[in-house]
């Protein structure tokens, strides 16, 4: 069953679009930087490793990892912020809820049912992989009414693995991309104690190897440290909770797949560093401003002239609010970065300046 879920995700249009959606860098110039698609594949690899060590269902874990970012609009978090603001009077936008909308309603390649007809475990895990949803937005409430997902309870261990695999992947691969792009330096990242310890260990093992060849070894080592910590900590936590079934996982009432307290603090330090030195760098903020202008401009144009969306989306557009704005939001959220830029130029004549 979960193999089928995974296969339907891989064959979906939404999954293919991830190859042209921002991970960190908006429309990256280099071929070697991560995008949402490669990030999702790397999350799946890390997730399967953890699931296997914990004797969990690897197929469900992999499917959750591959699908977890399907709801992201173009331009990553900058695009989401703009879409959320544009839709504020229509209930806002949330990429996790939109992922479920895609899989349950919007992408319907089969003649006898809407969506991809995925298993309950798959949809429930995607809805709650970051924990119980105690304040669902309009989209999640509508989906839950169609197919109750027990939003207030903890998800499966596989969903918890997918969430922490996501953290491990972007913590480390964003370092790799930041170094490659020249936006981070080795001296900078070694200000983080965990990274400095890892670098010292790598240099001690390979004292005669050029520095540039050891940077990826540093990233690999750090992924290994995090994965092993999760496995050891989670194995102990699951045993202490007396888990013998999925029902026991939900009854535990807390996250069971996690870093140790020590590594969790180290990861927080690393995350703060990455925000200060990469995600909130001036060059990234300039690109984010440009991305928000594109999404905002598209939303305004389609709201005024639904015919600009093309026959299929125009014909389906309803005139009453908030349905009209939500329909426009669905259309924009499905765009890739380059398609959004191309459509903006066609409508407005030129791209906005940063």
Protein backbone atom coordinates (compact mmCIF):
# COMPACT_ATOMS: atom_id res chain seq x y z
CA UNK A 1 0.00 0.00 0.00
CA UNK A 2 2.71 2.49 0.96
CA UNK A 3 4.75 1.50 -2.09
CA UNK A 4 1.76 2.58 -4.15
CA UNK A 5 1.62 5.88 -2.25
CA UNK A 6 5.30 6.47 -2.99
CA UNK A 7 4.90 5.57 -6.65
CA UNK A 8 1.92 7.88 -7.10
CA UNK A 9 3.90 10.74 -5.57
CA UNK A 10 6.87 10.14 -7.86
CA UNK A 11 4.65 10.03 -10.95
CA UNK A 12 2.70 13.16 -10.01
CA UNK A 13 2.99 16.49 -11.81
CA UNK A 14 3.45 18.25 -8.47
CA UNK A 15 6.56 16.19 -7.77
CA UNK A 16 8.06 16.97 -11.18
CA UNK A 17 7.53 20.68 -10.62
CA UNK A 18 9.85 20.57 -7.61
CA UNK A 19 12.87 20.54 -9.92
CA UNK A 20 12.21 24.22 -10.69
CA UNK A 21 11.21 25.40 -7.23
CA UNK A 22 13.52 27.24 -4.85
CA UNK A 23 15.15 25.50 -1.92
CA UNK A 24 17.43 28.32 -0.69
CA UNK A 25 18.58 30.20 -3.79
CA UNK A 26 15.93 31.77 -6.01
CA UNK A 27 16.42 30.43 -9.56
CA UNK A 28 20.01 29.31 -8.84
CA UNK A 29 22.49 29.99 -11.62
CA UNK A 30 24.61 26.91 -10.91
CA UNK A 31 23.59 23.37 -11.77
CA UNK A 32 24.99 22.02 -8.50
CA UNK A 33 22.71 23.80 -6.03
CA UNK A 34 19.77 22.13 -4.34
CA UNK A 35 16.22 22.72 -5.45
CA UNK A 36 13.06 21.33 -3.83
CA UNK A 37 13.31 18.12 -5.82
CA UNK A 38 16.88 17.25 -4.87
CA UNK A 39 16.21 18.29 -1.29
CA UNK A 40 13.22 15.94 -1.13
CA UNK A 41 15.32 13.05 -2.48
CA UNK A 42 17.99 13.70 0.13
CA UNK A 43 15.39 13.86 2.91
CA UNK A 44 14.04 10.51 1.71
CA UNK A 45 17.51 8.93 1.86
CA UNK A 46 18.06 10.16 5.43
CA UNK A 47 14.52 9.17 6.43
CA UNK A 48 14.89 5.61 5.12
CA UNK A 49 18.17 5.21 7.00
CA UNK A 50 16.57 6.22 10.29
CA UNK A 51 13.41 4.18 9.65
CA UNK A 52 15.41 1.05 8.91
CA UNK A 53 17.46 1.39 12.10
CA UNK A 54 14.27 1.87 14.15
CA UNK A 55 12.48 -1.01 12.39
CA UNK A 56 9.76 1.27 11.03
CA UNK A 57 7.97 1.12 7.68
CA UNK A 58 10.52 2.36 5.16
CA UNK A 59 8.06 2.75 2.29
CA UNK A 60 5.74 5.01 4.30
CA UNK A 61 8.70 7.03 5.56
CA UNK A 62 10.08 7.47 2.06
CA UNK A 63 6.71 8.49 0.65
CA UNK A 64 6.24 11.09 3.39
CA UNK A 65 9.72 12.49 2.80
CA UNK A 66 9.24 12.73 -0.96
CA UNK A 67 5.88 14.50 -0.61
CA UNK A 68 6.51 16.83 2.32
CA UNK A 69 7.36 19.91 0.20
CA UNK A 70 4.82 19.52 -2.62
CA UNK A 71 2.75 22.44 -1.34
CA UNK A 72 5.47 25.07 -1.55
CA UNK A 73 4.69 27.93 -3.95
CA UNK A 74 7.40 29.44 -6.19
CA UNK A 75 10.38 31.17 -4.55
CA UNK A 76 10.34 29.20 -1.32
CA UNK A 77 9.45 30.95 1.93
CA UNK A 78 9.48 34.39 0.31
CA UNK A 79 6.80 33.25 -2.12
CA UNK A 80 4.79 31.72 0.71
CA UNK A 81 4.96 34.93 2.75
CA UNK A 82 3.68 36.94 -0.22
CA UNK A 83 0.86 34.50 -0.96
CA UNK A 84 -0.12 34.38 2.70
CA UNK A 85 -0.38 38.18 2.78
CA UNK A 86 -2.24 38.37 -0.54
CA UNK A 87 -4.80 35.87 0.76
CA UNK A 88 -5.15 37.32 4.25
CA UNK A 89 -8.82 38.18 3.69
CA UNK A 90 -9.45 34.69 2.27
CA UNK A 91 -7.99 32.81 5.22
CA UNK A 92 -4.30 32.94 4.28
CA UNK A 93 -2.02 30.30 2.82
CA UNK A 94 0.00 27.48 4.38
CA UNK A 95 2.26 25.22 2.31
CA UNK A 96 1.60 22.15 4.45
CA UNK A 97 -2.17 22.42 4.09
CA UNK A 98 -1.71 23.14 0.38
CA UNK A 99 0.30 19.93 0.02
CA UNK A 100 -2.77 18.05 1.23
CA UNK A 101 -5.01 20.05 -1.13
CA UNK A 102 -2.85 18.96 -4.06
CA UNK A 103 -2.92 15.31 -3.07
CA UNK A 104 -6.59 15.14 -2.07
CA UNK A 105 -8.27 17.55 -4.51
CA UNK A 106 -6.25 19.47 -7.07
CA UNK A 107 -4.24 16.83 -8.92
CA UNK A 108 -6.74 14.24 -10.08
CA UNK A 109 -5.34 11.97 -12.80
CA UNK A 110 -7.66 9.07 -12.03
CA UNK A 111 -11.21 8.87 -13.46
CA UNK A 112 -13.03 7.55 -10.40
CA UNK A 113 -11.80 9.68 -7.49
CA UNK A 114 -10.34 13.13 -6.76
CA UNK A 115 -6.71 13.50 -5.81
CA UNK A 116 -4.19 10.66 -5.83
CA UNK A 117 -6.23 8.36 -3.55
CA UNK A 118 -3.40 7.96 -1.04
CA UNK A 119 -3.66 5.99 2.18
CA UNK A 120 -4.97 7.53 5.39
CA UNK A 121 -1.60 6.99 7.07
CA UNK A 122 0.11 8.94 4.31
CA UNK A 123 -2.25 11.91 4.43
CA UNK A 124 -2.37 11.97 8.22
CA UNK A 125 1.42 11.88 8.39
CA UNK A 126 1.78 14.78 5.98
CA UNK A 127 -0.79 16.83 7.84
CA UNK A 128 0.94 16.37 11.20
CA UNK A 129 4.59 15.51 10.55
CA UNK A 130 5.58 18.57 12.58
CA UNK A 131 3.22 17.62 15.39
CA UNK A 132 -0.49 17.94 16.19
CA UNK A 133 -2.35 20.67 14.31
CA UNK A 134 -4.21 22.47 17.08
CA UNK A 135 -5.24 25.55 15.08
CA UNK A 136 -5.95 24.34 11.51
CA UNK A 137 -6.46 26.95 8.83
CA UNK A 138 -9.39 26.98 6.43
CA UNK A 139 -7.75 24.53 4.02
CA UNK A 140 -6.88 21.98 6.65
CA UNK A 141 -10.34 22.23 8.22
CA UNK A 142 -12.00 21.56 4.86
CA UNK A 143 -9.77 18.55 4.18
CA UNK A 144 -10.31 17.18 7.67
CA UNK A 145 -14.06 17.43 7.14
CA UNK A 146 -13.76 15.41 3.93
CA UNK A 147 -11.45 12.77 5.39
CA UNK A 148 -10.91 13.08 9.18
CA UNK A 149 -7.19 13.06 10.00
CA UNK A 150 -7.27 13.25 13.82
CA UNK A 151 -5.43 16.56 13.66
CA UNK A 152 -5.10 16.97 17.43
CA UNK A 153 -3.18 13.73 18.00
CA UNK A 154 0.48 12.88 17.47
CA UNK A 155 1.34 11.27 14.10
CA UNK A 156 3.08 8.00 13.39
CA UNK A 157 6.77 7.44 14.08
CA UNK A 158 7.32 7.43 10.31
CA UNK A 159 5.93 10.96 10.08
CA UNK A 160 8.13 12.05 12.96
CA UNK A 161 11.14 10.57 11.16
CA UNK A 162 10.25 12.52 8.01
CA UNK A 163 10.18 15.77 9.99
CA UNK A 164 13.59 15.30 11.59
CA UNK A 165 15.12 14.00 8.34
CA UNK A 166 14.03 17.30 6.78
CA UNK A 167 15.85 19.22 9.51
CA UNK A 168 19.02 17.16 9.10
CA UNK A 169 19.00 17.57 5.32
CA UNK A 170 18.60 21.32 5.16
CA UNK A 171 20.92 22.01 8.11
CA UNK A 172 23.78 20.31 6.30
CA UNK A 173 23.05 20.70 2.62
CA UNK A 174 22.48 24.43 3.00
CA UNK A 175 26.00 24.64 4.43
CA UNK A 176 27.27 22.78 1.37
CA UNK A 177 25.43 25.11 -1.02
CA UNK A 178 26.42 28.21 0.96
CA UNK A 179 30.09 27.28 0.76
CA UNK A 180 29.82 26.45 -2.95
CA UNK A 181 28.12 29.79 -3.66
CA UNK A 182 30.73 31.74 -1.70
CA UNK A 183 28.08 33.06 0.66
CA UNK A 184 29.66 31.23 3.57
CA UNK A 185 33.32 30.66 4.37
CA UNK A 186 34.93 27.85 6.30
CA UNK A 187 36.11 30.31 8.95
CA UNK A 188 32.53 31.51 9.35
CA UNK A 189 30.93 28.12 9.81
CA UNK A 190 33.67 27.06 12.21
CA UNK A 191 32.30 29.71 14.57
CA UNK A 192 29.63 27.10 15.31
CA UNK A 193 31.13 24.75 17.94
CA UNK A 194 29.61 21.58 16.46
CA UNK A 195 30.96 22.42 13.02
CA UNK A 196 34.37 23.35 14.39
CA UNK A 197 34.60 20.02 16.23
CA UNK A 198 33.64 18.19 13.05
CA UNK A 199 36.18 20.09 10.97
CA UNK A 200 38.97 19.40 13.48
CA UNK A 201 38.14 15.69 13.33
CA UNK A 202 38.18 15.67 9.52
CA UNK A 203 41.51 17.51 9.35
CA UNK A 204 43.00 15.11 11.87
CA UNK A 205 41.98 12.12 9.72
CA UNK A 206 43.20 13.63 6.47
CA UNK A 207 46.03 16.05 7.32
CA UNK A 208 47.54 15.94 3.82
CA UNK A 209 44.35 16.35 1.77
CA UNK A 210 43.59 19.82 0.32
CA UNK A 211 40.99 21.75 2.26
CA UNK A 212 38.53 22.05 -0.63
CA UNK A 213 38.27 18.25 -0.86
CA UNK A 214 37.36 17.96 2.81
CA UNK A 215 34.37 20.29 2.89
CA UNK A 216 31.94 17.64 1.70
CA UNK A 217 33.51 15.16 4.12
CA UNK A 218 32.63 17.63 6.88
CA UNK A 219 29.00 17.71 5.72
CA UNK A 220 28.83 13.90 5.45
CA UNK A 221 30.28 13.49 8.93
CA UNK A 222 27.83 15.96 10.40
CA UNK A 223 24.87 14.19 8.80
CA UNK A 224 26.16 10.93 10.28
CA UNK A 225 26.50 12.46 13.74
CA UNK A 226 22.92 13.78 13.61
CA UNK A 227 21.43 10.57 12.20
CA UNK A 228 23.16 8.38 14.77
CA UNK A 229 22.06 10.68 17.58
CA UNK A 230 18.43 10.51 16.41
CA UNK A 231 18.55 6.72 16.17
CA UNK A 232 20.06 6.25 19.62
CA UNK A 233 17.85 8.83 21.32
CA UNK A 234 14.64 7.73 19.62
CA UNK A 235 15.26 4.03 20.24
CA UNK A 236 15.56 4.76 23.96
CA UNK A 237 12.53 7.07 23.95
CA UNK A 238 10.34 4.53 22.14
CA UNK A 239 11.36 1.78 24.55
CA UNK A 240 10.75 3.97 27.59
CA UNK A 241 7.26 4.80 26.32
CA UNK A 242 6.46 1.10 25.96
CA UNK A 243 5.48 1.48 22.32
CA UNK A 244 4.21 -1.73 20.72
CA UNK A 245 1.70 -0.26 18.23
CA UNK A 246 0.70 2.93 16.44
CA UNK A 247 -1.94 3.44 19.10
CA UNK A 248 0.83 3.50 21.71
CA UNK A 249 2.63 6.20 19.71
CA UNK A 250 -0.47 8.39 19.81
CA UNK A 251 -1.09 7.63 23.46
CA UNK A 252 2.45 8.75 24.34
CA UNK A 253 1.29 12.33 23.79
CA UNK A 254 4.74 13.61 22.87
CA UNK A 255 7.41 13.47 20.18
CA UNK A 256 9.32 10.19 20.33
CA UNK A 257 11.69 10.72 17.39
CA UNK A 258 14.10 13.49 18.31
CA UNK A 259 17.66 14.64 18.91
CA UNK A 260 19.22 14.25 22.31
CA UNK A 261 19.01 17.39 24.46
CA UNK A 262 22.68 18.11 23.81
CA UNK A 263 22.45 17.79 20.04
CA UNK A 264 19.15 19.67 19.95
CA UNK A 265 20.88 22.67 21.51
CA UNK A 266 23.79 22.36 19.07
CA UNK A 267 21.33 22.20 16.18
CA UNK A 268 19.60 25.36 17.42
CA UNK A 269 22.95 27.16 17.49
CA UNK A 270 23.64 26.01 13.93
CA UNK A 271 20.17 27.09 12.80
CA UNK A 272 20.61 30.56 14.31
CA UNK A 273 23.94 30.88 12.55
CA UNK A 274 22.44 29.91 9.19
CA UNK A 275 19.64 32.45 9.52
CA UNK A 276 22.03 35.23 10.45
CA UNK A 277 24.67 34.46 7.82
CA UNK A 278 22.79 32.88 4.91
CA UNK A 279 19.01 33.02 4.93
CA UNK A 280 18.89 36.65 6.10
CA UNK A 281 21.96 37.84 4.20
CA UNK A 282 21.47 41.01 2.18
CA UNK A 283 21.69 39.21 -1.18
CA UNK A 284 19.06 36.71 -0.10
CA UNK A 285 16.83 39.45 1.30
CA UNK A 286 17.04 41.32 -2.00
CA UNK A 287 16.00 38.21 -3.93
CA UNK A 288 13.19 37.65 -1.43
CA UNK A 289 11.86 41.17 -1.98
CA UNK A 290 11.87 40.58 -5.72
CA UNK A 291 10.13 37.22 -5.31
CA UNK A 292 7.42 38.72 -3.10
CA UNK A 293 6.81 41.43 -5.69
CA UNK A 294 6.35 38.79 -8.40
CA UNK A 295 3.83 36.76 -6.39
CA UNK A 296 1.96 39.87 -5.22
CA UNK A 297 1.80 41.25 -8.76
CA UNK A 298 0.53 37.97 -10.18
CA UNK A 299 -2.14 37.63 -7.50
CA UNK A 300 -3.45 41.13 -8.16
CA UNK A 301 -3.48 40.61 -11.93
CA UNK A 302 -5.31 37.27 -11.81
CA UNK A 303 -7.80 38.63 -9.31
CA UNK A 304 -8.70 41.43 -11.71
CA UNK A 305 -8.56 39.35 -14.88
CA UNK A 306 -9.09 35.59 -14.33
CA UNK A 307 -8.85 35.07 -18.09
CA UNK A 308 -5.10 35.60 -17.77
CA UNK A 309 -4.89 32.20 -16.10
CA UNK A 310 -6.01 30.40 -19.25
CA UNK A 311 -9.20 28.58 -20.17
CA UNK A 312 -9.10 25.76 -17.62
CA UNK A 313 -8.44 27.96 -14.61
CA UNK A 314 -10.63 30.80 -15.87
CA UNK A 315 -13.59 28.51 -16.46
CA UNK A 316 -13.26 27.07 -12.96
CA UNK A 317 -12.96 30.50 -11.30
CA UNK A 318 -15.86 31.42 -9.06
CA UNK A 319 -16.85 35.05 -8.63
CA UNK A 320 -17.65 35.02 -4.92
CA UNK A 321 -15.08 35.47 -2.17
CA UNK A 322 -13.19 33.86 -0.56
CA UNK A 323 -13.44 31.10 -3.20
CA UNK A 324 -12.13 33.38 -5.95
CA UNK A 325 -8.98 34.34 -4.05
CA UNK A 326 -8.37 30.76 -2.98
CA UNK A 327 -8.67 29.62 -6.57
CA UNK A 328 -6.10 32.19 -7.67
CA UNK A 329 -3.89 31.08 -4.78
CA UNK A 330 -4.08 27.47 -5.96
CA UNK A 331 -2.98 28.52 -9.44
CA UNK A 332 0.00 30.58 -8.27
CA UNK A 333 1.09 28.00 -5.68
CA UNK A 334 1.44 25.43 -8.45
CA UNK A 335 3.87 27.57 -10.43
CA UNK A 336 7.58 26.95 -10.67
CA UNK A 337 9.95 29.88 -10.15
CA UNK A 338 10.69 30.32 -13.83
CA UNK A 339 7.04 30.00 -14.91
CA UNK A 340 6.04 32.68 -12.37
CA UNK A 341 8.76 35.01 -13.63
CA UNK A 342 7.77 34.41 -17.24
CA UNK A 343 4.09 35.08 -16.54
CA UNK A 344 4.92 38.23 -14.56
CA UNK A 345 6.96 39.60 -17.47
CA UNK A 346 4.16 38.82 -19.94
CA UNK A 347 1.62 40.66 -17.79
CA UNK A 348 3.68 43.57 -16.44
CA UNK A 349 6.30 43.98 -19.15
CA UNK A 350 9.40 43.60 -16.97
CA UNK A 351 10.53 41.96 -13.78
CA UNK A 352 10.43 44.01 -10.57
CA UNK A 353 13.73 45.34 -9.26
CA UNK A 354 15.13 43.96 -6.01
